[in-house]
């Protein structure tokens, strides 16, 4: 009986320890509508809302960790909190460190399903929170392309995006680069995760050769040829 009680207490201690660790590592999300008095801020409150935004930020984080195959906290950036702001600004959205700013003016003017659109925007912006950027040396077009790749794989690509095979160069960014990266990942499943891991400390175009056996320029030519044919 004493052994059973000791085992129970030991098991309880392990459970409590895991709970403490998980609680310590949990990411906190805040959403602030600084444009509440504007038409866009009012539409955000009516059609999207704070609670849905928090749920989306959390879902996006978990999805990104799966895409990047970051299964432990040691693999990830040390981010404990992500703050989202709906601001009366131009553009669509931008991210600085762990702060995401979304344009209330864009929300006001969007003519389609604004909740779905902003969901896609948040998946893109949340990728910037978590992705590695080669200590600032990776091409900006690649960084934006990876963020749109995540949005694409999450199922939130807008209808106006370019079709596969379109675009002028591999690092053009956004949807063009996202489509190219999708092609690269089709050649080797997990390519995006491995590329992101390599970009933790630096960047080189040679990463494409190391992972796929071809230069990025040759991969771009192969990609264009596949879809143009």
Protein backbone atom coordinates (compact mmCIF):
# COMPACT_ATOMS: atom_id res chain seq x y z
CA UNK A 1 0.00 0.00 0.00
CA UNK A 2 2.86 2.34 0.85
CA UNK A 3 4.48 1.57 -2.50
CA UNK A 4 1.24 2.36 -4.35
CA UNK A 5 0.92 5.66 -2.48
CA UNK A 6 4.55 6.53 -3.24
CA UNK A 7 4.03 5.70 -6.93
CA UNK A 8 0.86 7.83 -7.00
CA UNK A 9 2.64 10.80 -5.44
CA UNK A 10 5.59 10.44 -7.84
CA UNK A 11 3.22 10.30 -10.82
CA UNK A 12 1.35 13.33 -9.54
CA UNK A 13 4.64 15.22 -9.18
CA UNK A 14 5.56 14.43 -12.79
CA UNK A 15 2.15 15.61 -14.00
CA UNK A 16 2.43 18.82 -12.03
CA UNK A 17 5.97 19.38 -13.33
CA UNK A 18 4.80 18.91 -16.94
CA UNK A 19 1.93 21.31 -16.32
CA UNK A 20 4.30 23.92 -14.92
CA UNK A 21 6.66 23.53 -17.89
CA UNK A 22 3.80 23.76 -20.38
CA UNK A 23 2.39 26.78 -18.60
CA UNK A 24 5.78 28.46 -18.64
CA UNK A 25 6.26 27.81 -22.36
CA UNK A 26 2.71 28.66 -23.44
CA UNK A 27 2.45 31.61 -25.81
CA UNK A 28 0.17 34.44 -24.75
CA UNK A 29 -1.80 36.42 -27.33
CA UNK A 30 -3.26 39.89 -27.01
CA UNK A 31 -5.43 41.76 -29.52
CA UNK A 32 -5.96 45.52 -29.31
CA UNK A 33 -8.26 47.47 -31.61
CA UNK A 34 -6.71 50.94 -31.60
CA UNK A 35 -8.97 51.99 -34.49
CA UNK A 36 -12.27 51.12 -32.82
CA UNK A 37 -13.81 54.52 -33.69
CA UNK A 38 -13.08 54.14 -37.43
CA UNK A 39 -15.23 52.27 -39.98
CA UNK A 40 -12.53 49.62 -40.36
CA UNK A 41 -12.21 49.20 -36.63
CA UNK A 42 -15.96 48.81 -36.34
CA UNK A 43 -15.98 46.19 -39.10
CA UNK A 44 -13.19 44.31 -37.35
CA UNK A 45 -15.23 44.23 -34.16
CA UNK A 46 -18.38 43.14 -36.01
CA UNK A 47 -17.05 40.62 -38.57
CA UNK A 48 -13.82 39.30 -37.02
CA UNK A 49 -13.52 40.07 -33.33
CA UNK A 50 -10.89 39.80 -30.64
CA UNK A 51 -11.64 36.22 -29.60
CA UNK A 52 -11.56 34.87 -33.14
CA UNK A 53 -8.28 36.70 -33.76
CA UNK A 54 -6.69 35.12 -30.67
CA UNK A 55 -7.87 31.68 -31.75
CA UNK A 56 -6.44 32.27 -35.22
CA UNK A 57 -3.07 33.42 -33.86
CA UNK A 58 -2.87 30.29 -31.74
CA UNK A 59 -3.94 28.00 -34.62
CA UNK A 60 -1.44 29.69 -36.93
CA UNK A 61 1.37 29.19 -34.44
CA UNK A 62 0.69 25.47 -34.12
CA UNK A 63 0.38 25.10 -37.90
CA UNK A 64 3.69 26.92 -38.48
CA UNK A 65 5.47 24.72 -35.93
CA UNK A 66 4.24 21.67 -37.87
CA UNK A 67 5.31 23.11 -41.24
CA UNK A 68 8.76 23.95 -39.83
CA UNK A 69 8.91 20.62 -37.97
CA UNK A 70 9.77 22.47 -34.78
CA UNK A 71 8.67 19.87 -32.26
CA UNK A 72 10.50 21.19 -29.21
CA UNK A 73 10.95 24.61 -27.66
CA UNK A 74 14.67 24.39 -28.37
CA UNK A 75 13.88 24.40 -32.11
CA UNK A 76 11.79 27.56 -31.96
CA UNK A 77 12.33 31.23 -31.41
CA UNK A 78 12.02 32.28 -27.80
CA UNK A 79 8.69 34.07 -28.11
CA UNK A 80 6.46 34.10 -25.05
CA UNK A 81 3.91 36.67 -26.17
CA UNK A 82 2.46 37.91 -29.46
CA UNK A 83 0.60 41.22 -29.62
CA UNK A 84 -1.79 42.05 -32.46
CA UNK A 85 -2.98 45.58 -33.14
CA UNK A 86 -5.70 46.79 -35.50
CA UNK A 87 -4.49 50.27 -36.45
CA UNK A 88 -5.74 53.11 -38.62
CA UNK A 89 -2.92 52.72 -41.17
CA UNK A 90 -2.46 52.19 -44.90
CA UNK A 91 -1.36 48.90 -46.45
CA UNK A 92 -2.45 45.46 -45.29
CA UNK A 93 -0.30 44.42 -42.33
CA UNK A 94 3.26 44.29 -41.05
CA UNK A 95 5.18 42.56 -38.29
CA UNK A 96 8.02 43.82 -36.12
CA UNK A 97 9.49 41.23 -33.77
CA UNK A 98 6.46 39.77 -31.96
CA UNK A 99 4.03 42.58 -32.79
CA UNK A 100 1.56 42.24 -35.67
CA UNK A 101 -0.16 45.36 -37.01
CA UNK A 102 -3.22 44.99 -39.25
CA UNK A 103 -4.73 47.85 -41.24
CA UNK A 104 -8.27 48.86 -40.28
CA UNK A 105 -8.45 50.71 -43.59
CA UNK A 106 -7.78 47.47 -45.45
CA UNK A 107 -10.47 45.71 -43.42
CA UNK A 108 -12.93 48.48 -44.26
CA UNK A 109 -12.23 48.37 -47.99
CA UNK A 110 -12.07 44.60 -48.49
CA UNK A 111 -15.04 43.55 -50.60
CA UNK A 112 -15.00 39.78 -50.05
CA UNK A 113 -15.11 37.51 -47.00
CA UNK A 114 -13.09 39.72 -44.70
CA UNK A 115 -12.79 37.15 -41.91
CA UNK A 116 -11.23 34.59 -44.27
CA UNK A 117 -8.92 37.22 -45.76
CA UNK A 118 -7.65 38.43 -42.40
CA UNK A 119 -7.20 34.82 -41.30
CA UNK A 120 -4.83 34.36 -44.23
CA UNK A 121 -3.08 37.63 -43.42
CA UNK A 122 -2.54 36.49 -39.84
CA UNK A 123 -1.06 33.15 -40.96
CA UNK A 124 1.38 35.13 -43.14
CA UNK A 125 2.30 37.61 -40.40
CA UNK A 126 2.59 34.96 -37.72
CA UNK A 127 5.12 33.17 -39.91
CA UNK A 128 7.31 36.27 -39.67
CA UNK A 129 7.16 35.96 -35.89
CA UNK A 130 8.46 32.38 -35.93
CA UNK A 131 10.63 31.96 -39.04
CA UNK A 132 14.41 32.25 -39.11
CA UNK A 133 15.85 34.85 -41.48
CA UNK A 134 19.52 33.97 -41.68
CA UNK A 135 20.37 36.69 -39.16
CA UNK A 136 19.01 39.23 -41.64
CA UNK A 137 20.99 37.88 -44.60
CA UNK A 138 18.22 35.94 -46.36
CA UNK A 139 16.61 37.63 -49.40
CA UNK A 140 13.51 39.59 -48.50
CA UNK A 141 11.63 37.91 -51.32
CA UNK A 142 12.38 34.49 -49.83
CA UNK A 143 11.22 35.58 -46.37
CA UNK A 144 7.92 36.86 -47.78
CA UNK A 145 7.61 33.80 -49.99
CA UNK A 146 7.91 31.44 -47.04
CA UNK A 147 5.21 33.40 -45.21
CA UNK A 148 2.90 33.12 -48.21
CA UNK A 149 3.82 29.43 -48.58
CA UNK A 150 2.47 28.87 -45.07
CA UNK A 151 -0.69 30.77 -46.00
CA UNK A 152 -1.00 28.63 -49.14
CA UNK A 153 -0.62 25.33 -47.29
CA UNK A 154 -3.11 26.48 -44.65
CA UNK A 155 -5.71 26.89 -47.41
CA UNK A 156 -6.05 30.67 -47.31
CA UNK A 157 -4.55 31.67 -50.67
CA UNK A 158 -6.70 34.38 -52.29
CA UNK A 159 -8.07 33.89 -55.80
CA UNK A 160 -6.01 36.78 -57.16
CA UNK A 161 -2.68 35.06 -56.50
CA UNK A 162 -0.53 34.10 -59.50
CA UNK A 163 -0.94 30.60 -60.87
CA UNK A 164 1.87 28.00 -60.58
CA UNK A 165 4.65 28.75 -63.06
CA UNK A 166 4.00 32.48 -63.24
CA UNK A 167 6.48 35.14 -62.15
CA UNK A 168 9.77 36.64 -63.29
CA UNK A 169 12.28 35.32 -60.76
CA UNK A 170 12.42 32.88 -57.86
CA UNK A 171 12.94 35.54 -55.17
CA UNK A 172 10.25 37.89 -56.45
CA UNK A 173 8.47 37.32 -53.16
CA UNK A 174 4.98 36.69 -51.87
CA UNK A 175 2.75 34.48 -54.05
CA UNK A 176 5.35 34.04 -56.83
CA UNK A 177 7.97 32.67 -54.47
CA UNK A 178 5.35 30.74 -52.47
CA UNK A 179 4.33 28.81 -55.60
CA UNK A 180 7.99 28.10 -56.38
CA UNK A 181 8.67 26.91 -52.85
CA UNK A 182 5.65 24.63 -53.07
CA UNK A 183 7.25 23.08 -56.15
CA UNK A 184 10.56 22.70 -54.30
CA UNK A 185 8.84 21.03 -51.37
CA UNK A 186 7.10 18.64 -53.78
CA UNK A 187 10.56 17.48 -54.89
CA UNK A 188 11.52 16.72 -51.29
CA UNK A 189 8.90 16.67 -48.58
CA UNK A 190 10.15 18.66 -45.60
CA UNK A 191 12.31 20.94 -47.74
CA UNK A 192 10.77 24.10 -46.25
CA UNK A 193 11.41 22.88 -42.71
CA UNK A 194 15.02 22.04 -43.51
CA UNK A 195 15.57 25.36 -45.30
CA UNK A 196 14.17 27.25 -42.33
CA UNK A 197 16.46 25.34 -39.95
CA UNK A 198 19.50 26.22 -42.07
CA UNK A 199 18.48 29.88 -41.95
CA UNK A 200 18.72 29.96 -38.17
CA UNK A 201 22.30 31.23 -38.26
CA UNK A 202 22.93 32.45 -41.81
CA UNK A 203 21.96 32.20 -45.44
CA UNK A 204 23.37 30.99 -48.76
CA UNK A 205 21.75 30.16 -52.10
CA UNK A 206 23.82 26.98 -51.87
CA UNK A 207 21.29 25.66 -49.35
CA UNK A 208 19.12 24.74 -52.35
CA UNK A 209 21.96 22.62 -53.76
CA UNK A 210 22.53 20.95 -50.40
CA UNK A 211 18.85 20.09 -50.00
CA UNK A 212 17.70 19.45 -53.58
CA UNK A 213 20.89 18.78 -55.54
CA UNK A 214 20.42 21.70 -57.94
CA UNK A 215 21.09 25.43 -57.89
CA UNK A 216 18.14 27.67 -57.16
CA UNK A 217 18.42 29.14 -60.67
CA UNK A 218 18.21 25.67 -62.23
CA UNK A 219 15.27 24.79 -60.00
CA UNK A 220 13.52 27.97 -61.16
CA UNK A 221 14.09 26.98 -64.80
CA UNK A 222 12.74 23.48 -64.13
CA UNK A 223 9.74 24.97 -62.36
CA UNK A 224 8.95 27.35 -65.23
CA UNK A 225 9.38 24.57 -67.78
CA UNK A 226 7.08 22.20 -65.89
CA UNK A 227 4.14 24.57 -65.78
CA UNK A 228 4.69 26.32 -69.11
CA UNK A 229 4.58 22.92 -70.81
